[in-house]
Protein backbone atom coordinates (compact mmCIF):
# COMPACT_ATOMS: atom_id res chain seq x y z
CA MET A 1 -0.22 -0.08 0.00
CA VAL A 2 1.10 3.56 -0.78
CA ASN A 3 1.13 5.87 1.88
CA ILE A 4 0.37 9.49 1.08
CA LYS A 5 -0.15 11.47 4.82
CA LEU A 6 -1.23 15.45 4.76
CA ASP A 7 -1.71 17.00 8.13
CA GLY A 8 -2.32 13.92 9.65
CA GLY A 9 -4.91 13.39 7.25
CA TYR A 10 -5.07 11.26 4.21
CA THR A 11 -5.98 12.70 1.09
CA ALA A 12 -8.58 11.39 -1.83
CA LEU A 13 -6.28 9.80 -3.47
CA GLN A 14 -5.05 8.12 -0.41
CA LYS A 15 -8.46 6.63 -0.21
CA MET A 16 -8.76 5.84 -3.88
CA LEU A 17 -5.66 3.96 -3.13
CA ASP A 18 -6.78 1.83 -0.39
CA LYS A 19 -9.95 1.01 -2.31
CA GLU A 20 -7.52 0.00 -5.25
CA ASN A 21 -9.00 2.34 -7.82
CA VAL A 22 -5.40 3.30 -9.35
CA SER A 23 -6.11 3.98 -12.41
CA ALA A 24 -8.55 6.49 -11.49
CA ALA A 25 -6.25 8.16 -9.49
CA LEU A 26 -3.81 8.00 -11.83
CA CYS A 27 -6.51 9.27 -14.51
CA MET A 28 -6.73 12.23 -12.04
CA ILE A 29 -3.03 13.10 -11.84
CA GLU A 30 -2.65 12.92 -15.72
CA LYS A 31 -5.59 15.79 -15.82
CA GLY A 32 -3.50 18.18 -13.47
CA ALA A 33 -4.92 17.41 -10.25
CA ASP A 34 -2.21 18.06 -7.69
CA PRO A 35 -2.34 14.78 -5.13
CA TRP A 36 -1.04 16.60 -2.23
CA GLU A 37 -4.30 19.60 -2.67
CA PHE A 38 -7.00 17.57 -3.77
CA GLY A 39 -9.35 15.82 -1.25
CA ARG A 40 -7.62 18.50 1.03
CA GLY A 41 -10.74 19.06 3.55
CA ASN A 42 -12.92 15.82 2.74
CA LYS A 43 -10.19 13.73 5.95
């Protein structure tokens, strides 16, 4: 499992990786989503 932690909480990207939805996460990153920013506040 890939551990991505930010401010003591898991990001939306981490939650997707936990669900093994890696392709969707990579697709969002390829479209320009910042994995450190998106999902912040949805902990």
